[in-house]
Amino acid sequence: MSNINYIVGDATLPIGDGNKIIPHICNDIGGWGRGFVLSLSKRWSQPEEEYRNLSPNERTLGSVMFIPVTNEISVANMIGQHDIKYSSDGLAPIRYNAVRKALISVNDVAIKTNATVHMPRIGTGLAGGQWGEIEKIIKHTMSVDVYVYDLI
């Protein structure tokens, strides 16, 4: 069970020493251009390039791509959102089970690389998720130090 540290700052400028992973939510239809990804793309080109190079069958819910962007920082493109719009019956694009599966993979890599995890409040913006649900998933899937950044 993870301890979540809430801090004010920019998740693309993670604090501390050592290896760091920045996970974030991507959709399964190839859309990149709104939300946190804009901050990522301003800082590094590789996460967007790698995402855009995926074929449609590689963008499966729950999958993760780890993209090294510096010697100590990797970005984890997690496919945790279906489409980019709410469904006709009002279902948000977030897919909590996919986020859970992806965060288990992030935790495994963080353990193997002795990394801390740094993220914005994933899944709560364009994906339409509830932070209370995401927070529960983080607490139950992560066993490494997690830092959640609020950009003020």
Foldseek 3Di string as FASTA:
>chain_A
DEDEAEDADQLVDDDDDAAEEEEAEDELPLDADDDPSVVVCVVAPPVNVVSNPDDSVVLDQQDWDWADGDPRYTYIHFHAFYDQDQDPVRHFRGHLVSLLSNLLVVQVVCVVRVYEYTYELHCVPSRPDDSVSVVVSCVVRHDHYYYYYDYD
